[in-house]
PDB file of N, CA and C in Angstrom:
ATOM      1  N   MET A   1      83.367 123.143  65.938  1.00  0.00           N
ATOM      2  CA  MET A   1      83.222 123.018  67.375  1.00  0.00           C
ATOM      3  C   MET A   1      84.607 122.833  67.992  1.00  0.00           C
ATOM      4  N   GLU A   2      84.890 123.598  69.003  1.00  0.00           N
ATOM      5  CA  GLU A   2      86.175 123.513  69.680  1.00  0.00           C
ATOM      6  C   GLU A   2      86.018 122.747  70.981  1.00  0.00           C
ATOM      7  N   LEU A   3      86.955 121.864  71.247  1.00  0.00           N
ATOM      8  CA  LEU A   3      86.971 121.086  72.485  1.00  0.00           C
ATOM      9  C   LEU A   3      88.305 121.286  73.172  1.00  0.00           C
ATOM     10  N   TYR A   4      88.267 121.345  74.483  1.00  0.00           N
ATOM     11  CA  TYR A   4      89.484 121.499  75.265  1.00  0.00           C
ATOM     12  C   TYR A   4      89.531 120.409  76.318  1.00  0.00           C
ATOM     13  N   ILE A   5      90.670 119.772  76.447  1.00  0.00           N
ATOM     14  CA  ILE A   5      90.860 118.759  77.482  1.00  0.00           C
ATOM     15  C   ILE A   5      91.279 119.485  78.750  1.00  0.00           C
ATOM     16  N   LYS A   6      90.458 119.383  79.780  1.00  0.00           N
ATOM     17  CA  LYS A   6      90.735 120.091  81.029  1.00  0.00           C
ATOM     18  C   LYS A   6      90.927 119.150  82.202  1.00  0.00           C
ATOM     19  N   GLY A   7      90.811 117.844  81.979  1.00  0.00           N
ATOM     20  CA  GLY A   7      90.978 116.899  83.074  1.00  0.00           C
ATOM     21  C   GLY A   7      91.283 115.516  82.540  1.00  0.00           C
ATOM     22  N   ILE A   8      91.817 114.679  83.401  1.00  0.00           N
ATOM     23  CA  ILE A   8      92.078 113.293  83.042  1.00  0.00           C
ATOM     24  C   ILE A   8      91.590 112.401  84.172  1.00  0.00           C
ATOM     25  N   GLY A   9      91.296 111.168  83.844  1.00  0.00           N
ATOM     26  CA  GLY A   9      90.862 110.208  84.847  1.00  0.00           C
ATOM     27  C   GLY A   9      91.250 108.809  84.405  1.00  0.00           C
ATOM     28  N   SER A  10      91.603 107.974  85.339  1.00  0.00           N
ATOM     29  CA  SER A  10      91.968 106.603  84.995  1.00  0.00           C
ATOM     30  C   SER A  10      91.744 105.691  86.189  1.00  0.00           C
ATOM     31  N   ILE A  11      91.583 104.423  85.880  1.00  0.00           N
ATOM     32  CA  ILE A  11      91.529 103.392  86.901  1.00  0.00           C
ATOM     33  C   ILE A  11      92.705 102.481  86.592  1.00  0.00           C
ATOM     34  N   SER A  12      93.640 102.388  87.513  1.00  0.00           N
ATOM     35  CA  SER A  12      94.905 101.716  87.243  1.00  0.00           C
ATOM     36  C   SER A  12      95.368 100.935  88.469  1.00  0.00           C
ATOM     37  N   PRO A  13      96.509 100.246  88.364  1.00  0.00           N
ATOM     38  CA  PRO A  13      97.039  99.523  89.531  1.00  0.00           C
ATOM     39  C   PRO A  13      97.531 100.424  90.656  1.00  0.00           C
ATOM     40  N   SER A  14      97.605 101.722  90.424  1.00  0.00           N
ATOM     41  CA  SER A  14      97.989 102.646  91.490  1.00  0.00           C
ATOM     42  C   SER A  14      96.742 103.357  91.991  1.00  0.00           C
ATOM     43  N   GLU A  15      96.677 103.583  93.278  1.00  0.00           N
ATOM     44  CA  GLU A  15      95.499 104.222  93.859  1.00  0.00           C
ATOM     45  C   GLU A  15      95.612 105.727  93.674  1.00  0.00           C
ATOM     46  N   ASN A  16      94.992 106.237  92.634  1.00  0.00           N
ATOM     47  CA  ASN A  16      95.146 107.652  92.298  1.00  0.00           C
ATOM     48  C   ASN A  16      93.824 108.278  91.882  1.00  0.00           C
ATOM     49  N   PHE A  17      92.746 107.967  92.567  1.00  0.00           N
ATOM     50  CA  PHE A  17      91.442 108.468  92.158  1.00  0.00           C
ATOM     51  C   PHE A  17      91.297 109.958  92.415  1.00  0.00           C
ATOM     52  N   GLU A  18      91.810 110.429  93.510  1.00  0.00           N
ATOM     53  CA  GLU A  18      91.613 111.829  93.880  1.00  0.00           C
ATOM     54  C   GLU A  18      92.732 112.731  93.395  1.00  0.00           C
ATOM     55  N   ASN A  19      93.964 112.241  93.451  1.00  0.00           N
ATOM     56  CA  ASN A  19      95.101 113.096  93.128  1.00  0.00           C
ATOM     57  C   ASN A  19      96.034 112.338  92.196  1.00  0.00           C
ATOM     58  N   ILE A  20      96.124 112.762  90.948  1.00  0.00           N
ATOM     59  CA  ILE A  20      97.007 112.082  90.017  1.00  0.00           C
ATOM     60  C   ILE A  20      98.244 112.919  89.705  1.00  0.00           C
ATOM     61  N   SER A  21      98.527 113.897  90.539  1.00  0.00           N
ATOM     62  CA  SER A  21      99.693 114.741  90.298  1.00  0.00           C
ATOM     63  C   SER A  21     100.985 114.064  90.750  1.00  0.00           C
ATOM     64  N   HIS A  22     100.870 113.030  91.553  1.00  0.00           N
ATOM     65  CA  HIS A  22     102.062 112.303  91.973  1.00  0.00           C
ATOM     66  C   HIS A  22     102.023 110.898  91.368  1.00  0.00           C
ATOM     67  N   THR A  23     103.156 110.226  91.359  1.00  0.00           N
ATOM     68  CA  THR A  23     103.206 108.859  90.844  1.00  0.00           C
ATOM     69  C   THR A  23     103.381 107.906  92.017  1.00  0.00           C
ATOM     70  N   PRO A  24     102.293 107.296  92.469  1.00  0.00           N
ATOM     71  CA  PRO A  24     102.389 106.385  93.605  1.00  0.00           C
ATOM     72  C   PRO A  24     103.072 105.080  93.226  1.00  0.00           C
ATOM     73  N   GLU A  25     103.503 104.376  94.234  1.00  0.00           N
ATOM     74  CA  GLU A  25     104.189 103.110  94.021  1.00  0.00           C
ATOM     75  C   GLU A  25     103.197 102.055  93.541  1.00  0.00           C
ATOM     76  N   ILE A  26     103.589 101.305  92.511  1.00  0.00           N
ATOM     77  CA  ILE A  26     102.759 100.231  91.973  1.00  0.00           C
ATOM     78  C   ILE A  26     103.402  98.912  92.372  1.00  0.00           C
ATOM     79  N   LYS A  27     102.613  98.024  92.943  1.00  0.00           N
ATOM     80  CA  LYS A  27     103.133  96.738  93.395  1.00  0.00           C
ATOM     81  C   LYS A  27     102.600  95.615  92.522  1.00  0.00           C
ATOM     82  N   LEU A  28     103.460  94.641  92.250  1.00  0.00           N
ATOM     83  CA  LEU A  28     103.035  93.452  91.516  1.00  0.00           C
ATOM     84  C   LEU A  28     102.160  92.586  92.405  1.00  0.00           C
ATOM     85  N   VAL A  29     101.139  91.984  91.830  1.00  0.00           N
ATOM     86  CA  VAL A  29     100.295  91.063  92.583  1.00  0.00           C
ATOM     87  C   VAL A  29     101.004  89.729  92.729  1.00  0.00           C
ATOM     88  N   ASP A  30     101.638  89.291  91.656  1.00  0.00           N
ATOM     89  CA  ASP A  30     102.322  88.005  91.663  1.00  0.00           C
ATOM     90  C   ASP A  30     103.682  88.185  90.992  1.00  0.00           C
ATOM     91  N   ASP A  31     104.749  87.900  91.713  1.00  0.00           N
ATOM     92  CA  ASP A  31     106.093  88.089  91.162  1.00  0.00           C
ATOM     93  C   ASP A  31     106.440  87.071  90.085  1.00  0.00           C
ATOM     94  N   VAL A  32     105.800  85.911  90.114  1.00  0.00           N
ATOM     95  CA  VAL A  32     106.107  84.867  89.136  1.00  0.00           C
ATOM     96  C   VAL A  32     105.509  85.201  87.773  1.00  0.00           C
ATOM     97  N   TYR A  33     104.226  85.546  87.740  1.00  0.00           N
ATOM     98  CA  TYR A  33     103.541  85.775  86.469  1.00  0.00           C
ATOM     99  C   TYR A  33     103.542  87.233  86.027  1.00  0.00           C
ATOM    100  N   LYS A  34     103.962  88.136  86.901  1.00  0.00           N
ATOM    101  CA  LYS A  34     104.096  89.563  86.572  1.00  0.00           C
ATOM    102  C   LYS A  34     102.789  90.177  86.059  1.00  0.00           C
ATOM    103  N   TYR A  35     101.756  90.177  86.881  1.00  0.00           N
ATOM    104  CA  TYR A  35     100.510  90.820  86.492  1.00  0.00           C
ATOM    105  C   TYR A  35     100.029  91.751  87.592  1.00  0.00           C
ATOM    106  N   TYR A  36      99.177  92.653  87.213  1.00  0.00           N
ATOM    107  CA  TYR A  36      98.651  93.668  88.117  1.00  0.00           C
ATOM    108  C   TYR A  36      97.130  93.556  88.189  1.00  0.00           C
ATOM    109  N   PHE A  37      96.562  94.037  89.267  1.00  0.00           N
ATOM    110  CA  PHE A  37      95.119  94.206  89.383  1.00  0.00           C
ATOM    111  C   PHE A  37      94.832  95.698  89.459  1.00  0.00           C
ATOM    112  N   CYS A  38      93.756  96.110  88.843  1.00  0.00           N
ATOM    113  CA  CYS A  38      93.330  97.506  88.975  1.00  0.00           C
ATOM    114  C   CYS A  38      92.750  97.722  90.361  1.00  0.00           C
ATOM    115  N   ILE A  39      93.099  98.816  90.968  1.00  0.00           N
ATOM    116  CA  ILE A  39      92.490  99.201  92.237  1.00  0.00           C
ATOM    117  C   ILE A  39      91.246  99.996  91.859  1.00  0.00           C
ATOM    118  N   GLU A  40      90.097  99.375  92.028  1.00  0.00           N
ATOM    119  CA  GLU A  40      88.852  99.980  91.576  1.00  0.00           C
ATOM    120  C   GLU A  40      88.236 100.838  92.676  1.00  0.00           C
ATOM    121  N   PRO A  41      87.646 101.954  92.298  1.00  0.00           N
ATOM    122  CA  PRO A  41      86.981 102.801  93.296  1.00  0.00           C
ATOM    123  C   PRO A  41      85.679 102.157  93.754  1.00  0.00           C
ATOM    124  N   ILE A  42      85.057 102.745  94.739  1.00  0.00           N
ATOM    125  CA  ILE A  42      83.732 102.297  95.159  1.00  0.00           C
ATOM    126  C   ILE A  42      82.755 102.910  94.166  1.00  0.00           C
ATOM    127  N   TYR A  43      82.251 102.071  93.270  1.00  0.00           N
ATOM    128  CA  TYR A  43      81.435 102.574  92.168  1.00  0.00           C
ATOM    129  C   TYR A  43      80.133 103.211  92.634  1.00  0.00           C
ATOM    130  N   LYS A  44      79.617 102.793  93.776  1.00  0.00           N
ATOM    131  CA  LYS A  44      78.352 103.350  94.274  1.00  0.00           C
ATOM    132  C   LYS A  44      78.481 104.834  94.608  1.00  0.00           C
ATOM    133  N   GLU A  45      79.694 105.283  94.881  1.00  0.00           N
ATOM    134  CA  GLU A  45      79.920 106.700  95.169  1.00  0.00           C
ATOM    135  C   GLU A  45      79.986 107.544  93.899  1.00  0.00           C
ATOM    136  N   ILE A  46      80.208 106.892  92.753  1.00  0.00           N
ATOM    137  CA  ILE A  46      80.400 107.613  91.500  1.00  0.00           C
ATOM    138  C   ILE A  46      79.195 107.465  90.568  1.00  0.00           C
ATOM    139  N   ILE A  47      78.652 106.237  90.482  1.00  0.00           N
ATOM    140  CA  ILE A  47      77.572 105.910  89.551  1.00  0.00           C
ATOM    141  C   ILE A  47      76.333 105.515  90.351  1.00  0.00           C
ATOM    142  N   ASN A  48      75.176 105.838  89.830  1.00  0.00           N
ATOM    143  CA  ASN A  48      73.907 105.475  90.449  1.00  0.00           C
ATOM    144  C   ASN A  48      73.846 103.953  90.664  1.00  0.00           C
ATOM    145  N   PRO A  49      73.600 103.486  91.889  1.00  0.00           N
ATOM    146  CA  PRO A  49      73.569 102.043  92.168  1.00  0.00           C
ATOM    147  C   PRO A  49      72.540 101.268  91.347  1.00  0.00           C
ATOM    148  N   LEU A  50      71.462 101.903  90.933  1.00  0.00           N
ATOM    149  CA  LEU A  50      70.473 101.215  90.099  1.00  0.00           C
ATOM    150  C   LEU A  50      71.033 100.893  88.713  1.00  0.00           C
ATOM    151  N   LEU A  51      71.936 101.721  88.236  1.00  0.00           N
ATOM    152  CA  LEU A  51      72.550 101.483  86.933  1.00  0.00           C
ATOM    153  C   LEU A  51      73.687 100.470  87.004  1.00  0.00           C
ATOM    154  N   LEU A  52      74.307 100.347  88.160  1.00  0.00           N
ATOM    155  CA  LEU A  52      75.464  99.457  88.311  1.00  0.00           C
ATOM    156  C   LEU A  52      75.110  97.986  88.160  1.00  0.00           C
ATOM    157  N   ARG A  53      73.886  97.644  88.460  1.00  0.00           N
ATOM    158  CA  ARG A  53      73.487  96.242  88.535  1.00  0.00           C
ATOM    159  C   ARG A  53      73.735  95.491  87.226  1.00  0.00           C
ATOM    160  N   ARG A  54      73.464  96.116  86.101  1.00  0.00           N
ATOM    161  CA  ARG A  54      73.581  95.438  84.806  1.00  0.00           C
ATOM    162  C   ARG A  54      74.855  95.787  84.034  1.00  0.00           C
ATOM    163  N   MET A  55      75.733  96.559  84.617  1.00  0.00           N
ATOM    164  CA  MET A  55      76.955  96.960  83.909  1.00  0.00           C
ATOM    165  C   MET A  55      78.039  95.905  84.043  1.00  0.00           C
ATOM    166  N   SER A  56      78.788  95.720  82.966  1.00  0.00           N
ATOM    167  CA  SER A  56      79.957  94.848  83.037  1.00  0.00           C
ATOM    168  C   SER A  56      81.082  95.587  83.759  1.00  0.00           C
ATOM    169  N   ARG A  57      82.112  94.856  84.109  1.00  0.00           N
ATOM    170  CA  ARG A  57      83.239  95.457  84.827  1.00  0.00           C
ATOM    171  C   ARG A  57      83.931  96.516  83.966  1.00  0.00           C
ATOM    172  N   ALA A  58      84.092  96.213  82.680  1.00  0.00           N
ATOM    173  CA  ALA A  58      84.739  97.170  81.778  1.00  0.00           C
ATOM    174  C   ALA A  58      83.903  98.439  81.619  1.00  0.00           C
ATOM    175  N   MET A  59      82.587  98.279  81.561  1.00  0.00           N
ATOM    176  CA  MET A  59      81.701  99.438  81.447  1.00  0.00           C
ATOM    177  C   MET A  59      81.771 100.297  82.708  1.00  0.00           C
ATOM    178  N   LYS A  60      81.815  99.653  83.876  1.00  0.00           N
ATOM    179  CA  LYS A  60      81.931 100.395  85.140  1.00  0.00           C
ATOM    180  C   LYS A  60      83.222 101.200  85.167  1.00  0.00           C
ATOM    181  N   MET A  61      84.320 100.564  84.749  1.00  0.00           N
ATOM    182  CA  MET A  61      85.612 101.255  84.749  1.00  0.00           C
ATOM    183  C   MET A  61      85.608 102.440  83.793  1.00  0.00           C
ATOM    184  N   GLY A  62      85.061 102.251  82.607  1.00  0.00           N
ATOM    185  CA  GLY A  62      85.040 103.322  81.614  1.00  0.00           C
ATOM    186  C   GLY A  62      84.205 104.510  82.045  1.00  0.00           C
ATOM    187  N   ILE A  63      83.009 104.235  82.551  1.00  0.00           N
ATOM    188  CA  ILE A  63      82.129 105.320  82.982  1.00  0.00           C
ATOM    189  C   ILE A  63      82.688 106.014  84.216  1.00  0.00           C
ATOM    190  N   ALA A  64      83.233 105.234  85.154  1.00  0.00           N
ATOM    191  CA  ALA A  64      83.799 105.834  86.367  1.00  0.00           C
ATOM    192  C   ALA A  64      84.992 106.722  86.032  1.00  0.00           C
ATOM    193  N   SER A  65      85.865 106.270  85.135  1.00  0.00           N
ATOM    194  CA  SER A  65      87.019 107.103  84.790  1.00  0.00           C
ATOM    195  C   SER A  65      86.587 108.345  84.016  1.00  0.00           C
ATOM    196  N   ALA A  66      85.547 108.236  83.184  1.00  0.00           N
ATOM    197  CA  ALA A  66      85.040 109.415  82.472  1.00  0.00           C
ATOM    198  C   ALA A  66      84.426 110.415  83.447  1.00  0.00           C
ATOM    199  N   LEU A  67      83.666 109.921  84.429  1.00  0.00           N
ATOM    200  CA  LEU A  67      83.064 110.825  85.410  1.00  0.00           C
ATOM    201  C   LEU A  67      84.116 111.454  86.320  1.00  0.00           C
ATOM    202  N   LEU A  68      85.172 110.698  86.650  1.00  0.00           N
ATOM    203  CA  LEU A  68      86.272 111.280  87.427  1.00  0.00           C
ATOM    204  C   LEU A  68      86.984 112.361  86.618  1.00  0.00           C
ATOM    205  N   CYS A  69      87.057 112.159  85.316  1.00  0.00           N
ATOM    206  CA  CYS A  69      87.684 113.149  84.436  1.00  0.00           C
ATOM    207  C   CYS A  69      86.877 114.441  84.395  1.00  0.00           C
ATOM    208  N   LEU A  70      85.551 114.320  84.441  1.00  0.00           N
ATOM    209  CA  LEU A  70      84.689 115.499  84.352  1.00  0.00           C
ATOM    210  C   LEU A  70      84.586 116.277  85.653  1.00  0.00           C
ATOM    211  N   LYS A  71      85.048 115.713  86.770  1.00  0.00           N
ATOM    212  CA  LYS A  71      84.982 116.418  88.063  1.00  0.00           C
ATOM    213  C   LYS A  71      85.841 117.660  88.050  1.00  0.00           C
TER     214      LYS A  71
END
């Protein structure tokens, strides 16, 4: 079976859900501790709201990034 990668998707500290061809500016949340927060999409627009209720945050991110990849 042959597989071809034709798209990529990610949820990251940069807002790049629609267009990942550019590298947007990433800002630190806290300069002292040096950590970032992921800018999460509106999951209801990507995943069925009935399924979202029982999903963990990591599961939402994984499924959303996979579905963005398949677009």
